Structure formats: structure tokens, C-alpha cells
Amino acid sequence: MQENIARWRALPAEEKQRIRWEVIPTRAAQSMAFEGEPVDEEVLRKMHARDTLMSYAFLKAS
């Protein structure tokens, strides 16, 4: 476990942010399933990808 922590801490900030962003659909699907409201993780991934593109376009236009 200490090795994992050391590897995480050694990553550049941008890589940490990318990883955090990519796991959002998985964590949301797990949370919803835990609450008894399962959802297709692929649907969440598509929504997340769409929102990511929209956010990027907005930031680029600003």
C-alpha cells in the first residue's frame, strides 16, 4: 500500500486530475447501485464524456 501511495504522490498534478476525472462515472455507478438504484455505467461514461467536451469547448471559448 505504501508503494501505491508513493507512486500516486510522484505523479504530476495534471495526471492526478485526469485520473480523478476518469473515475467519476465508475464511482457514481457504484454509489447508485449501493443505494439500490443501479444504472448502466456505460450510460454514465457517455454523459461524462459529453459534459467533458462541452466544458472544454466553453473554457476554450472564454
N, C-alpha and C. Protein backbone atom coordinates (compact mmCIF):
# COMPACT_ATOMS: atom_id res chain seq x y z
N MET A 1 0.82 -1.18 0.00
CA MET A 1 0.00 0.00 0.00
C MET A 1 0.88 1.26 0.00
N GLN A 2 1.95 1.22 0.73
CA GLN A 2 2.85 2.37 0.76
C GLN A 2 3.42 2.66 -0.62
N GLU A 3 3.65 1.59 -1.39
CA GLU A 3 4.17 1.77 -2.75
C GLU A 3 3.15 2.51 -3.61
N ASN A 4 1.88 2.16 -3.48
CA ASN A 4 0.83 2.83 -4.24
C ASN A 4 0.76 4.31 -3.89
N ILE A 5 0.87 4.59 -2.60
CA ILE A 5 0.82 5.99 -2.15
C ILE A 5 2.01 6.76 -2.71
N ALA A 6 3.18 6.15 -2.67
CA ALA A 6 4.38 6.81 -3.19
C ALA A 6 4.26 7.05 -4.69
N ARG A 7 3.73 6.07 -5.42
CA ARG A 7 3.55 6.23 -6.88
C ARG A 7 2.57 7.36 -7.16
N TRP A 8 1.46 7.41 -6.39
CA TRP A 8 0.47 8.46 -6.58
C TRP A 8 1.09 9.84 -6.33
N ARG A 9 1.81 9.96 -5.27
CA ARG A 9 2.42 11.24 -4.92
C ARG A 9 3.45 11.68 -5.95
N ALA A 10 4.06 10.73 -6.63
CA ALA A 10 5.08 11.05 -7.63
C ALA A 10 4.48 11.51 -8.96
N LEU A 11 3.20 11.27 -9.16
CA LEU A 11 2.56 11.66 -10.43
C LEU A 11 2.46 13.18 -10.53
N PRO A 12 2.56 13.70 -11.75
CA PRO A 12 2.33 15.14 -11.95
C PRO A 12 0.87 15.49 -11.62
N ALA A 13 0.64 16.72 -11.22
CA ALA A 13 -0.70 17.17 -10.84
C ALA A 13 -1.72 16.95 -11.96
N GLU A 14 -1.31 17.18 -13.20
CA GLU A 14 -2.23 17.02 -14.34
C GLU A 14 -2.67 15.57 -14.48
N GLU A 15 -1.75 14.63 -14.25
CA GLU A 15 -2.09 13.21 -14.35
C GLU A 15 -3.04 12.80 -13.23
N LYS A 16 -2.81 13.30 -12.03
CA LYS A 16 -3.72 13.01 -10.92
C LYS A 16 -5.12 13.52 -11.24
N GLN A 17 -5.21 14.72 -11.78
CA GLN A 17 -6.51 15.29 -12.12
C GLN A 17 -7.21 14.48 -13.20
N ARG A 18 -6.46 14.02 -14.19
CA ARG A 18 -7.03 13.21 -15.27
C ARG A 18 -7.60 11.91 -14.71
N ILE A 19 -6.84 11.26 -13.84
CA ILE A 19 -7.29 10.01 -13.24
C ILE A 19 -8.53 10.24 -12.40
N ARG A 20 -8.52 11.27 -11.58
CA ARG A 20 -9.71 11.58 -10.76
C ARG A 20 -10.94 11.80 -11.64
N TRP A 21 -10.75 12.53 -12.73
CA TRP A 21 -11.86 12.85 -13.63
C TRP A 21 -12.41 11.60 -14.30
N GLU A 22 -11.51 10.70 -14.69
CA GLU A 22 -11.93 9.50 -15.42
C GLU A 22 -12.71 8.51 -14.56
N VAL A 23 -12.51 8.51 -13.26
CA VAL A 23 -13.19 7.53 -12.40
C VAL A 23 -14.57 8.01 -11.94
N ILE A 24 -14.95 9.22 -12.26
CA ILE A 24 -16.24 9.74 -11.81
C ILE A 24 -17.41 8.84 -12.22
N PRO A 25 -17.52 8.41 -13.49
CA PRO A 25 -18.67 7.55 -13.85
C PRO A 25 -18.70 6.23 -13.07
N THR A 26 -17.54 5.63 -12.85
CA THR A 26 -17.48 4.37 -12.10
C THR A 26 -17.94 4.58 -10.67
N ARG A 27 -17.45 5.61 -10.04
CA ARG A 27 -17.84 5.87 -8.65
C ARG A 27 -19.32 6.22 -8.54
N ALA A 28 -19.83 6.96 -9.50
CA ALA A 28 -21.26 7.30 -9.49
C ALA A 28 -22.11 6.03 -9.64
N ALA A 29 -21.72 5.16 -10.56
CA ALA A 29 -22.47 3.91 -10.77
C ALA A 29 -22.42 3.04 -9.52
N GLN A 30 -21.27 2.95 -8.88
CA GLN A 30 -21.15 2.15 -7.65
C GLN A 30 -22.02 2.74 -6.54
N SER A 31 -22.02 4.04 -6.42
CA SER A 31 -22.80 4.69 -5.38
C SER A 31 -24.30 4.48 -5.61
N MET A 32 -24.72 4.60 -6.87
CA MET A 32 -26.14 4.42 -7.17
C MET A 32 -26.56 2.98 -6.94
N ALA A 33 -25.70 2.03 -7.29
CA ALA A 33 -26.01 0.62 -7.06
C ALA A 33 -26.12 0.34 -5.56
N PHE A 34 -25.24 0.93 -4.78
CA PHE A 34 -25.27 0.77 -3.33
C PHE A 34 -26.58 1.28 -2.76
N GLU A 35 -27.12 2.34 -3.34
CA GLU A 35 -28.38 2.92 -2.87
C GLU A 35 -29.60 2.20 -3.43
N GLY A 36 -29.35 1.12 -4.20
CA GLY A 36 -30.46 0.35 -4.74
C GLY A 36 -31.03 0.92 -6.02
N GLU A 37 -30.30 1.81 -6.66
CA GLU A 37 -30.72 2.41 -7.91
C GLU A 37 -29.65 2.18 -8.98
N PRO A 38 -29.47 0.93 -9.41
CA PRO A 38 -28.41 0.64 -10.37
C PRO A 38 -28.62 1.38 -11.68
N VAL A 39 -27.53 1.76 -12.29
CA VAL A 39 -27.55 2.46 -13.56
C VAL A 39 -26.44 1.87 -14.42
N ASP A 40 -26.63 1.90 -15.71
CA ASP A 40 -25.62 1.39 -16.64
C ASP A 40 -24.41 2.32 -16.63
N GLU A 41 -23.27 1.79 -16.25
CA GLU A 41 -22.06 2.61 -16.17
C GLU A 41 -21.69 3.19 -17.53
N GLU A 42 -21.98 2.48 -18.59
CA GLU A 42 -21.66 2.98 -19.94
C GLU A 42 -22.46 4.24 -20.25
N VAL A 43 -23.70 4.29 -19.80
CA VAL A 43 -24.52 5.50 -19.99
C VAL A 43 -23.87 6.67 -19.27
N LEU A 44 -23.42 6.43 -18.03
CA LEU A 44 -22.76 7.50 -17.28
C LEU A 44 -21.47 7.93 -17.96
N ARG A 45 -20.73 6.97 -18.51
CA ARG A 45 -19.48 7.31 -19.21
C ARG A 45 -19.75 8.21 -20.42
N LYS A 46 -20.80 7.89 -21.17
CA LYS A 46 -21.14 8.71 -22.34
C LYS A 46 -21.56 10.11 -21.92
N MET A 47 -22.34 10.21 -20.86
CA MET A 47 -22.77 11.52 -20.37
C MET A 47 -21.56 12.32 -19.88
N HIS A 48 -20.67 11.65 -19.18
CA HIS A 48 -19.47 12.30 -18.65
C HIS A 48 -18.58 12.80 -19.78
N ALA A 49 -18.43 11.98 -20.82
CA ALA A 49 -17.61 12.37 -21.98
C ALA A 49 -18.23 13.58 -22.67
N ARG A 50 -19.54 13.57 -22.82
CA ARG A 50 -20.23 14.70 -23.45
C ARG A 50 -20.04 15.98 -22.63
N ASP A 51 -20.21 15.86 -21.32
CA ASP A 51 -20.05 17.02 -20.45
C ASP A 51 -18.61 17.52 -20.46
N THR A 52 -17.67 16.61 -20.55
CA THR A 52 -16.26 16.99 -20.61
C THR A 52 -15.99 17.81 -21.86
N LEU A 53 -16.51 17.35 -22.99
CA LEU A 53 -16.31 18.07 -24.25
C LEU A 53 -16.97 19.45 -24.20
N MET A 54 -18.17 19.51 -23.63
CA MET A 54 -18.86 20.79 -23.53
C MET A 54 -18.10 21.76 -22.63
N SER A 55 -17.56 21.25 -21.53
CA SER A 55 -16.80 22.10 -20.61
C SER A 55 -15.54 22.60 -21.28
N TYR A 56 -14.87 21.73 -22.02
CA TYR A 56 -13.64 22.10 -22.71
C TYR A 56 -13.92 23.18 -23.75
N ALA A 57 -15.01 23.00 -24.49
CA ALA A 57 -15.36 24.00 -25.53
C ALA A 57 -15.68 25.34 -24.88
N PHE A 58 -16.38 25.32 -23.75
CA PHE A 58 -16.71 26.56 -23.05
C PHE A 58 -15.45 27.27 -22.57
N LEU A 59 -14.55 26.51 -21.96
CA LEU A 59 -13.32 27.10 -21.44
C LEU A 59 -12.44 27.65 -22.58
N LYS A 60 -12.42 26.95 -23.68
CA LYS A 60 -11.61 27.38 -24.82
C LYS A 60 -12.17 28.67 -25.41
N ALA A 61 -13.50 28.81 -25.40
CA ALA A 61 -14.14 30.00 -25.98
C ALA A 61 -13.99 31.22 -25.06
N SER A 62 -13.75 30.98 -23.79
CA SER A 62 -13.67 32.10 -22.82
C SER A 62 -12.39 32.88 -22.95
